[in-house]
């Protein structure tokens, strides 16, 4: 167990009071570290982020078991705005910027919960940190490229001054060159002391950024370890890194298949 940071223990999440989506997951995001959460579509990755960020009730979901703490304080039952005030902010899958507002208006939206005198200076700082946004500050955000919209979504989140950033599929739908730029941006954010929980289907991106990796399937954590440890796992290589023929089977199926072969040999 880590000291501080995010701690999830035996968490269960139910949608519409009947559909069990998270089946007792446990994970840690130590302060200032990058932790990746891998898994196929429908494995529970986004639901995990919703449970942490306080957005689960928006989707008629609630935690029915387990604990969820950040720096020793429980997050269970907190409204999303209180989770943000605690230092956690989520960048949703698909960017979810305000398409009809300008770049500057989008950034100002990231400061609405702040009352300090440094807000304007922080917005100006984002233009220095993201020159492309500075050159487009008066442009309607819907006309930005996909990569620029992702930069805007991350910049807006950073204006809340988070200590933990939840990123849901930041590389989704982007060209390889742009994915590399977003990965470098994530690395630079982390180097400034912000912890990151990264949900990704692009295993190469996740392994390149993360200090530790969890693999999810069907609402459970089925594997975990450092990137180097998981790269050495033959089943992980086949199913997630595209180095074999296991793409049509689940990671758990692959493990059972290997076990049966050992028993019969």
C-alpha atoms as a PDB file:
ATOM      1  CA  UNK A   1       0.000   0.000   0.000  1.00  0.00           C
ATOM      2  CA  UNK A   2       1.313   3.455  -0.906  1.00  0.00           C
ATOM      3  CA  UNK A   3       1.476   6.493   1.348  1.00  0.00           C
ATOM      4  CA  UNK A   4      -0.772   9.204  -0.043  1.00  0.00           C
ATOM      5  CA  UNK A   5      -1.958   9.445  -3.619  1.00  0.00           C
ATOM      6  CA  UNK A   6      -4.935   7.501  -4.917  1.00  0.00           C
ATOM      7  CA  UNK A   7      -5.887   4.161  -3.398  1.00  0.00           C
ATOM      8  CA  UNK A   8      -8.704   1.973  -4.729  1.00  0.00           C
ATOM      9  CA  UNK A   9      -9.551  -1.146  -2.729  1.00  0.00           C
ATOM     10  CA  UNK A  10     -12.043  -3.897  -3.703  1.00  0.00           C
ATOM     11  CA  UNK A  11     -14.231  -1.411  -5.554  1.00  0.00           C
ATOM     12  CA  UNK A  12     -17.497  -2.557  -7.081  1.00  0.00           C
ATOM     13  CA  UNK A  13     -19.575  -0.307  -9.329  1.00  0.00           C
ATOM     14  CA  UNK A  14     -23.149  -1.027 -10.418  1.00  0.00           C
ATOM     15  CA  UNK A  15     -25.051   0.661 -13.256  1.00  0.00           C
ATOM     16  CA  UNK A  16     -28.822   1.129 -13.085  1.00  0.00           C
ATOM     17  CA  UNK A  17     -28.851  -0.860  -9.822  1.00  0.00           C
ATOM     18  CA  UNK A  18     -28.448  -4.151 -11.720  1.00  0.00           C
ATOM     19  CA  UNK A  19     -25.315  -4.240 -13.939  1.00  0.00           C
ATOM     20  CA  UNK A  20     -22.106  -5.008 -12.045  1.00  0.00           C
ATOM     21  CA  UNK A  21     -19.325  -3.377 -14.069  1.00  0.00           C
ATOM     22  CA  UNK A  22     -16.389  -3.182 -11.638  1.00  0.00           C
ATOM     23  CA  UNK A  23     -15.862  -6.444  -9.785  1.00  0.00           C
ATOM     24  CA  UNK A  24     -13.659  -5.683  -6.798  1.00  0.00           C
ATOM     25  CA  UNK A  25     -10.758  -3.825  -8.397  1.00  0.00           C
ATOM     26  CA  UNK A  26      -7.772  -2.511  -6.440  1.00  0.00           C
ATOM     27  CA  UNK A  27      -5.093  -0.143  -7.710  1.00  0.00           C
ATOM     28  CA  UNK A  28      -2.749   2.629  -6.553  1.00  0.00           C
ATOM     29  CA  UNK A  29      -1.530   5.857  -8.102  1.00  0.00           C
ATOM     30  CA  UNK A  30       1.325   7.118  -5.889  1.00  0.00           C
ATOM     31  CA  UNK A  31       1.904  10.885  -5.771  1.00  0.00           C
ATOM     32  CA  UNK A  32       3.585  12.210  -8.887  1.00  0.00           C
ATOM     33  CA  UNK A  33       3.637   8.866 -10.730  1.00  0.00           C
ATOM     34  CA  UNK A  34       2.160   7.766 -14.052  1.00  0.00           C
ATOM     35  CA  UNK A  35      -0.031   4.676 -13.840  1.00  0.00           C
ATOM     36  CA  UNK A  36      -1.633   3.167 -16.942  1.00  0.00           C
ATOM     37  CA  UNK A  37      -4.838   1.168 -17.142  1.00  0.00           C
ATOM     38  CA  UNK A  38      -5.030  -1.103 -20.192  1.00  0.00           C
ATOM     39  CA  UNK A  39      -7.821  -3.313 -21.444  1.00  0.00           C
ATOM     40  CA  UNK A  40     -10.219  -3.946 -24.308  1.00  0.00           C
ATOM     41  CA  UNK A  41     -13.425  -2.000 -24.863  1.00  0.00           C
ATOM     42  CA  UNK A  42     -15.980  -2.759 -22.177  1.00  0.00           C
ATOM     43  CA  UNK A  43     -13.424  -3.906 -19.616  1.00  0.00           C
ATOM     44  CA  UNK A  44     -14.318  -1.157 -17.115  1.00  0.00           C
ATOM     45  CA  UNK A  45     -11.550   1.389 -17.672  1.00  0.00           C
ATOM     46  CA  UNK A  46     -13.785   4.422 -18.187  1.00  0.00           C
ATOM     47  CA  UNK A  47     -16.074   3.274 -15.372  1.00  0.00           C
ATOM     48  CA  UNK A  48     -13.044   3.246 -13.076  1.00  0.00           C
ATOM     49  CA  UNK A  49     -12.293   6.869 -13.965  1.00  0.00           C
ATOM     50  CA  UNK A  50     -15.937   7.847 -13.458  1.00  0.00           C
ATOM     51  CA  UNK A  51     -15.940   6.281 -10.006  1.00  0.00           C
ATOM     52  CA  UNK A  52     -12.818   8.268  -9.063  1.00  0.00           C
ATOM     53  CA  UNK A  53     -13.871  11.605 -10.573  1.00  0.00           C
ATOM     54  CA  UNK A  54     -17.390  11.595  -9.117  1.00  0.00           C
ATOM     55  CA  UNK A  55     -19.055  11.330 -12.538  1.00  0.00           C
ATOM     56  CA  UNK A  56     -20.509   7.850 -11.970  1.00  0.00           C
ATOM     57  CA  UNK A  57     -23.905   9.160 -10.716  1.00  0.00           C
ATOM     58  CA  UNK A  58     -24.321  11.100 -13.982  1.00  0.00           C
ATOM     59  CA  UNK A  59     -24.437   7.690 -15.666  1.00  0.00           C
ATOM     60  CA  UNK A  60     -26.736   6.151 -13.025  1.00  0.00           C
ATOM     61  CA  UNK A  61     -23.892   4.207 -11.442  1.00  0.00           C
ATOM     62  CA  UNK A  62     -22.868   3.870  -7.807  1.00  0.00           C
ATOM     63  CA  UNK A  63     -20.223   2.133  -5.764  1.00  0.00           C
ATOM     64  CA  UNK A  64     -21.690  -0.731  -3.752  1.00  0.00           C
ATOM     65  CA  UNK A  65     -18.536  -2.050  -2.133  1.00  0.00           C
ATOM     66  CA  UNK A  66     -14.925  -1.091  -1.427  1.00  0.00           C
ATOM     67  CA  UNK A  67     -13.016   2.086  -0.636  1.00  0.00           C
ATOM     68  CA  UNK A  68     -11.695   4.955  -2.709  1.00  0.00           C
ATOM     69  CA  UNK A  69      -9.320   7.442  -1.074  1.00  0.00           C
ATOM     70  CA  UNK A  70      -7.069  10.284  -2.152  1.00  0.00           C
ATOM     71  CA  UNK A  71      -4.364  11.391   0.294  1.00  0.00           C
ATOM     72  CA  UNK A  72      -6.193   9.460   2.986  1.00  0.00           C
ATOM     73  CA  UNK A  73      -9.599  11.101   2.436  1.00  0.00           C
ATOM     74  CA  UNK A  74     -12.554   9.137   1.086  1.00  0.00           C
ATOM     75  CA  UNK A  75     -13.923  10.098  -2.329  1.00  0.00           C
ATOM     76  CA  UNK A  76     -16.989   7.871  -2.130  1.00  0.00           C
ATOM     77  CA  UNK A  77     -20.185   9.874  -2.353  1.00  0.00           C
ATOM     78  CA  UNK A  78     -18.436  13.150  -3.194  1.00  0.00           C
ATOM     79  CA  UNK A  79     -19.962  15.282  -5.943  1.00  0.00           C
ATOM     80  CA  UNK A  80     -17.726  15.820  -8.969  1.00  0.00           C
ATOM     81  CA  UNK A  81     -16.996  19.450  -8.077  1.00  0.00           C
ATOM     82  CA  UNK A  82     -15.772  18.408  -4.624  1.00  0.00           C
ATOM     83  CA  UNK A  83     -13.520  15.805  -6.216  1.00  0.00           C
ATOM     84  CA  UNK A  84     -12.050  18.552  -8.404  1.00  0.00           C
ATOM     85  CA  UNK A  85     -11.488  20.724  -5.335  1.00  0.00           C
ATOM     86  CA  UNK A  86      -9.647  17.813  -3.724  1.00  0.00           C
ATOM     87  CA  UNK A  87      -7.118  17.940  -6.577  1.00  0.00           C
ATOM     88  CA  UNK A  88      -8.405  15.388  -9.118  1.00  0.00           C
ATOM     89  CA  UNK A  89      -9.630  16.296 -12.596  1.00  0.00           C
ATOM     90  CA  UNK A  90     -10.625  14.097 -15.540  1.00  0.00           C
ATOM     91  CA  UNK A  91     -10.066  14.732 -19.243  1.00  0.00           C
ATOM     92  CA  UNK A  92     -12.879  12.819 -20.879  1.00  0.00           C
ATOM     93  CA  UNK A  93     -12.577  10.532 -23.872  1.00  0.00           C
ATOM     94  CA  UNK A  94     -13.178  12.467 -27.080  1.00  0.00           C
ATOM     95  CA  UNK A  95     -11.847  15.741 -25.586  1.00  0.00           C
ATOM     96  CA  UNK A  96     -15.343  17.164 -24.786  1.00  0.00           C
ATOM     97  CA  UNK A  97     -14.288  20.775 -25.227  1.00  0.00           C
ATOM     98  CA  UNK A  98     -16.910  23.485 -25.822  1.00  0.00           C
ATOM     99  CA  UNK A  99     -16.931  23.415 -29.619  1.00  0.00           C
ATOM    100  CA  UNK A 100     -18.882  26.680 -30.063  1.00  0.00           C
ATOM    101  CA  UNK A 101     -16.682  28.684 -27.696  1.00  0.00           C
ATOM    102  CA  UNK A 102     -13.291  30.164 -28.486  1.00  0.00           C
ATOM    103  CA  UNK A 103     -10.025  28.698 -27.276  1.00  0.00           C
ATOM    104  CA  UNK A 104      -9.771  31.428 -24.659  1.00  0.00           C
ATOM    105  CA  UNK A 105     -13.333  30.893 -23.444  1.00  0.00           C
ATOM    106  CA  UNK A 106     -12.609  27.187 -23.075  1.00  0.00           C
ATOM    107  CA  UNK A 107      -9.541  27.932 -20.985  1.00  0.00           C
ATOM    108  CA  UNK A 108     -11.411  30.415 -18.821  1.00  0.00           C
ATOM    109  CA  UNK A 109     -13.952  27.667 -18.159  1.00  0.00           C
ATOM    110  CA  UNK A 110     -11.142  25.775 -16.463  1.00  0.00           C
ATOM    111  CA  UNK A 111     -10.819  28.536 -13.867  1.00  0.00           C
ATOM    112  CA  UNK A 112     -14.471  28.936 -12.859  1.00  0.00           C
ATOM    113  CA  UNK A 113     -14.002  27.104  -9.556  1.00  0.00           C
ATOM    114  CA  UNK A 114     -11.025  29.238  -8.582  1.00  0.00           C
ATOM    115  CA  UNK A 115     -11.235  32.496  -6.659  1.00  0.00           C
ATOM    116  CA  UNK A 116      -7.546  33.382  -6.511  1.00  0.00           C
ATOM    117  CA  UNK A 117      -5.924  36.353  -8.211  1.00  0.00           C
ATOM    118  CA  UNK A 118      -3.611  34.194 -10.326  1.00  0.00           C
ATOM    119  CA  UNK A 119      -6.195  32.883 -12.752  1.00  0.00           C
ATOM    120  CA  UNK A 120      -5.457  35.348 -15.558  1.00  0.00           C
ATOM    121  CA  UNK A 121      -1.741  34.740 -15.188  1.00  0.00           C
ATOM    122  CA  UNK A 122      -2.261  30.993 -15.380  1.00  0.00           C
ATOM    123  CA  UNK A 123      -4.287  31.329 -18.595  1.00  0.00           C
ATOM    124  CA  UNK A 124      -1.504  33.453 -20.072  1.00  0.00           C
ATOM    125  CA  UNK A 125       0.944  30.781 -18.942  1.00  0.00           C
ATOM    126  CA  UNK A 126      -0.973  28.186 -20.942  1.00  0.00           C
ATOM    127  CA  UNK A 127      -0.446  30.246 -24.089  1.00  0.00           C
ATOM    128  CA  UNK A 128       3.296  30.189 -23.417  1.00  0.00           C
ATOM    129  CA  UNK A 129       3.214  26.468 -22.721  1.00  0.00           C
ATOM    130  CA  UNK A 130       1.012  25.739 -25.759  1.00  0.00           C
ATOM    131  CA  UNK A 131       1.986  28.308 -28.422  1.00  0.00           C
ATOM    132  CA  UNK A 132      -0.473  26.845 -30.926  1.00  0.00           C
ATOM    133  CA  UNK A 133      -3.315  27.698 -28.531  1.00  0.00           C
ATOM    134  CA  UNK A 134      -1.948  31.202 -28.105  1.00  0.00           C
ATOM    135  CA  UNK A 135      -2.013  31.740 -31.849  1.00  0.00           C
ATOM    136  CA  UNK A 136      -5.635  30.580 -31.959  1.00  0.00           C
ATOM    137  CA  UNK A 137      -7.011  32.085 -28.763  1.00  0.00           C
ATOM    138  CA  UNK A 138      -9.846  33.872 -30.558  1.00  0.00           C
ATOM    139  CA  UNK A 139     -10.697  30.936 -32.829  1.00  0.00           C
ATOM    140  CA  UNK A 140     -13.772  28.783 -32.282  1.00  0.00           C
ATOM    141  CA  UNK A 141     -12.514  25.562 -30.720  1.00  0.00           C
ATOM    142  CA  UNK A 142     -14.542  23.340 -33.033  1.00  0.00           C
ATOM    143  CA  UNK A 143     -12.259  24.321 -35.905  1.00  0.00           C
ATOM    144  CA  UNK A 144      -9.103  23.066 -34.189  1.00  0.00           C
ATOM    145  CA  UNK A 145      -7.477  19.839 -35.312  1.00  0.00           C
ATOM    146  CA  UNK A 146      -7.920  16.727 -33.169  1.00  0.00           C
ATOM    147  CA  UNK A 147      -4.478  17.121 -31.643  1.00  0.00           C
ATOM    148  CA  UNK A 148      -5.063  20.800 -30.892  1.00  0.00           C
ATOM    149  CA  UNK A 149      -8.391  19.975 -29.257  1.00  0.00           C
ATOM    150  CA  UNK A 150      -6.648  17.400 -27.045  1.00  0.00           C
ATOM    151  CA  UNK A 151      -4.069  20.008 -26.065  1.00  0.00           C
ATOM    152  CA  UNK A 152      -6.882  22.419 -25.244  1.00  0.00           C
ATOM    153  CA  UNK A 153      -8.681  19.805 -23.123  1.00  0.00           C
ATOM    154  CA  UNK A 154      -5.504  19.074 -21.152  1.00  0.00           C
ATOM    155  CA  UNK A 155      -4.656  22.767 -20.779  1.00  0.00           C
ATOM    156  CA  UNK A 156      -8.164  23.486 -19.497  1.00  0.00           C
ATOM    157  CA  UNK A 157      -7.820  20.657 -16.967  1.00  0.00           C
ATOM    158  CA  UNK A 158      -4.436  21.958 -15.801  1.00  0.00           C
ATOM    159  CA  UNK A 159      -6.006  25.327 -14.998  1.00  0.00           C
ATOM    160  CA  UNK A 160      -7.766  23.660 -12.072  1.00  0.00           C
ATOM    161  CA  UNK A 161      -4.257  23.026 -10.662  1.00  0.00           C
ATOM    162  CA  UNK A 162      -4.758  19.280 -10.236  1.00  0.00           C
ATOM    163  CA  UNK A 163      -2.489  16.964  -8.295  1.00  0.00           C
ATOM    164  CA  UNK A 164      -3.910  13.946 -10.127  1.00  0.00           C
ATOM    165  CA  UNK A 165      -4.965  14.014 -13.776  1.00  0.00           C
ATOM    166  CA  UNK A 166      -7.249  11.289 -15.149  1.00  0.00           C
ATOM    167  CA  UNK A 167      -6.764  10.889 -18.904  1.00  0.00           C
ATOM    168  CA  UNK A 168      -9.262   8.782 -20.863  1.00  0.00           C
ATOM    169  CA  UNK A 169      -7.882   7.625 -24.246  1.00  0.00           C
ATOM    170  CA  UNK A 170      -5.900  10.795 -25.077  1.00  0.00           C
ATOM    171  CA  UNK A 171      -4.471   9.217 -28.253  1.00  0.00           C
ATOM    172  CA  UNK A 172      -7.844   8.135 -29.634  1.00  0.00           C
ATOM    173  CA  UNK A 173      -8.343   9.032 -33.295  1.00  0.00           C
ATOM    174  CA  UNK A 174      -5.045  10.893 -33.669  1.00  0.00           C
ATOM    175  CA  UNK A 175      -2.320  10.437 -36.279  1.00  0.00           C
ATOM    176  CA  UNK A 176       0.930   8.782 -35.121  1.00  0.00           C
ATOM    177  CA  UNK A 177       2.891  12.055 -35.205  1.00  0.00           C
ATOM    178  CA  UNK A 178       0.237  13.802 -33.126  1.00  0.00           C
ATOM    179  CA  UNK A 179       0.108  10.871 -30.688  1.00  0.00           C
ATOM    180  CA  UNK A 180       3.845  11.316 -30.112  1.00  0.00           C
ATOM    181  CA  UNK A 181       3.282  15.014 -29.383  1.00  0.00           C
ATOM    182  CA  UNK A 182       0.473  14.263 -26.914  1.00  0.00           C
ATOM    183  CA  UNK A 183       2.645  11.631 -25.216  1.00  0.00           C
ATOM    184  CA  UNK A 184       5.423  14.192 -24.807  1.00  0.00           C
ATOM    185  CA  UNK A 185       2.899  16.649 -23.388  1.00  0.00           C
ATOM    186  CA  UNK A 186       1.737  14.075 -20.835  1.00  0.00           C
ATOM    187  CA  UNK A 187       5.352  13.401 -19.879  1.00  0.00           C
ATOM    188  CA  UNK A 188       6.010  17.126 -19.377  1.00  0.00           C
ATOM    189  CA  UNK A 189       2.886  17.488 -17.200  1.00  0.00           C
ATOM    190  CA  UNK A 190       4.076  14.631 -15.024  1.00  0.00           C
ATOM    191  CA  UNK A 191       7.560  16.118 -14.745  1.00  0.00           C
ATOM    192  CA  UNK A 192       5.938  19.111 -13.038  1.00  0.00           C
ATOM    193  CA  UNK A 193       4.721  16.843 -10.260  1.00  0.00           C
ATOM    194  CA  UNK A 194       1.199  15.988 -11.431  1.00  0.00           C
ATOM    195  CA  UNK A 195       0.230  12.335 -10.937  1.00  0.00           C
ATOM    196  CA  UNK A 196      -1.503  10.700 -13.895  1.00  0.00           C
ATOM    197  CA  UNK A 197      -3.894   7.784 -14.262  1.00  0.00           C
ATOM    198  CA  UNK A 198      -3.842   7.025 -17.976  1.00  0.00           C
ATOM    199  CA  UNK A 199      -6.498   4.903 -19.658  1.00  0.00           C
ATOM    200  CA  UNK A 200      -5.229   3.720 -23.034  1.00  0.00           C
ATOM    201  CA  UNK A 201      -5.819   1.046 -25.624  1.00  0.00           C
ATOM    202  CA  UNK A 202      -2.564   2.022 -27.340  1.00  0.00           C
ATOM    203  CA  UNK A 203      -0.239  -0.192 -25.304  1.00  0.00           C
ATOM    204  CA  UNK A 204       2.902   1.283 -26.866  1.00  0.00           C
ATOM    205  CA  UNK A 205       1.952   4.758 -25.629  1.00  0.00           C
ATOM    206  CA  UNK A 206       0.994   3.480 -22.177  1.00  0.00           C
ATOM    207  CA  UNK A 207       4.150   1.400 -21.743  1.00  0.00           C
ATOM    208  CA  UNK A 208       6.288   4.325 -22.872  1.00  0.00           C
ATOM    209  CA  UNK A 209       4.830   6.693 -20.278  1.00  0.00           C
ATOM    210  CA  UNK A 210       3.879   4.599 -17.261  1.00  0.00           C
ATOM    211  CA  UNK A 211       5.786   3.739 -14.109  1.00  0.00           C
ATOM    212  CA  UNK A 212       3.293   0.944 -13.426  1.00  0.00           C
ATOM    213  CA  UNK A 213       0.576  -0.764 -15.471  1.00  0.00           C
ATOM    214  CA  UNK A 214      -2.684  -2.508 -14.618  1.00  0.00           C
ATOM    215  CA  UNK A 215      -4.538  -4.679 -17.137  1.00  0.00           C
ATOM    216  CA  UNK A 216      -8.332  -4.946 -16.909  1.00  0.00           C
ATOM    217  CA  UNK A 217     -10.795  -7.442 -18.337  1.00  0.00           C
ATOM    218  CA  UNK A 218     -14.496  -7.823 -17.551  1.00  0.00           C
ATOM    219  CA  UNK A 219     -14.335  -5.443 -14.615  1.00  0.00           C
ATOM    220  CA  UNK A 220     -11.337  -7.103 -12.935  1.00  0.00           C
ATOM    221  CA  UNK A 221      -7.608  -6.462 -12.737  1.00  0.00           C
ATOM    222  CA  UNK A 222      -6.074  -9.519 -14.411  1.00  0.00           C
ATOM    223  CA  UNK A 223      -2.403  -8.475 -14.519  1.00  0.00           C
ATOM    224  CA  UNK A 224      -0.151  -5.744 -13.159  1.00  0.00           C
ATOM    225  CA  UNK A 225       3.500  -4.801 -13.031  1.00  0.00           C
ATOM    226  CA  UNK A 226       6.104  -2.408 -14.342  1.00  0.00           C
ATOM    227  CA  UNK A 227       6.266  -1.944 -18.117  1.00  0.00           C
ATOM    228  CA  UNK A 228       9.431  -4.047 -18.239  1.00  0.00           C
ATOM    229  CA  UNK A 229       7.787  -6.846 -16.262  1.00  0.00           C
ATOM    230  CA  UNK A 230       4.728  -6.920 -18.504  1.00  0.00           C
ATOM    231  CA  UNK A 231       6.797  -6.708 -21.678  1.00  0.00           C
ATOM    232  CA  UNK A 232       8.389  -9.959 -20.541  1.00  0.00           C
ATOM    233  CA  UNK A 233       4.994 -11.671 -20.148  1.00  0.00           C
ATOM    234  CA  UNK A 234       4.400 -13.731 -23.281  1.00  0.00           C
ATOM    235  CA  UNK A 235       0.622 -13.451 -23.004  1.00  0.00           C
ATOM    236  CA  UNK A 236       0.770  -9.678 -22.629  1.00  0.00           C
ATOM    237  CA  UNK A 237       3.039  -9.583 -25.671  1.00  0.00           C
ATOM    238  CA  UNK A 238       0.542 -11.527 -27.726  1.00  0.00           C
ATOM    239  CA  UNK A 239      -2.699  -9.942 -26.605  1.00  0.00           C
ATOM    240  CA  UNK A 240      -1.728  -6.295 -26.029  1.00  0.00           C
ATOM    241  CA  UNK A 241       1.494  -5.710 -27.931  1.00  0.00           C
ATOM    242  CA  UNK A 242       0.508  -7.495 -31.136  1.00  0.00           C
ATOM    243  CA  UNK A 243       3.431  -9.905 -31.080  1.00  0.00           C
ATOM    244  CA  UNK A 244       1.484 -13.138 -31.535  1.00  0.00           C
ATOM    245  CA  UNK A 245      -1.816 -14.728 -32.528  1.00  0.00           C
ATOM    246  CA  UNK A 246      -3.872 -14.214 -29.366  1.00  0.00           C
ATOM    247  CA  UNK A 247      -5.781 -11.160 -30.583  1.00  0.00           C
ATOM    248  CA  UNK A 248      -9.066 -13.048 -30.876  1.00  0.00           C
ATOM    249  CA  UNK A 249      -8.934 -14.351 -27.295  1.00  0.00           C
ATOM    250  CA  UNK A 250      -8.974 -12.604 -23.954  1.00  0.00           C
ATOM    251  CA  UNK A 251      -5.899 -12.349 -21.778  1.00  0.00           C
ATOM    252  CA  UNK A 252      -7.551 -14.652 -19.234  1.00  0.00           C
ATOM    253  CA  UNK A 253      -8.348 -17.200 -21.955  1.00  0.00           C
ATOM    254  CA  UNK A 254      -4.737 -17.122 -23.073  1.00  0.00           C
ATOM    255  CA  UNK A 255      -3.530 -17.760 -19.506  1.00  0.00           C
ATOM    256  CA  UNK A 256      -5.914 -20.706 -19.114  1.00  0.00           C
ATOM    257  CA  UNK A 257      -4.840 -22.098 -22.470  1.00  0.00           C
ATOM    258  CA  UNK A 258      -1.185 -21.966 -21.447  1.00  0.00           C
ATOM    259  CA  UNK A 259      -2.003 -23.589 -18.109  1.00  0.00           C
ATOM    260  CA  UNK A 260      -3.893 -26.450 -19.764  1.00  0.00           C
ATOM    261  CA  UNK A 261      -0.975 -27.080 -22.107  1.00  0.00           C
ATOM    262  CA  UNK A 262       1.396 -27.320 -19.138  1.00  0.00           C
ATOM    263  CA  UNK A 263      -0.921 -29.724 -17.319  1.00  0.00           C
ATOM    264  CA  UNK A 264      -1.214 -31.982 -20.383  1.00  0.00           C
ATOM    265  CA  UNK A 265       2.476 -31.984 -21.233  1.00  0.00           C
END
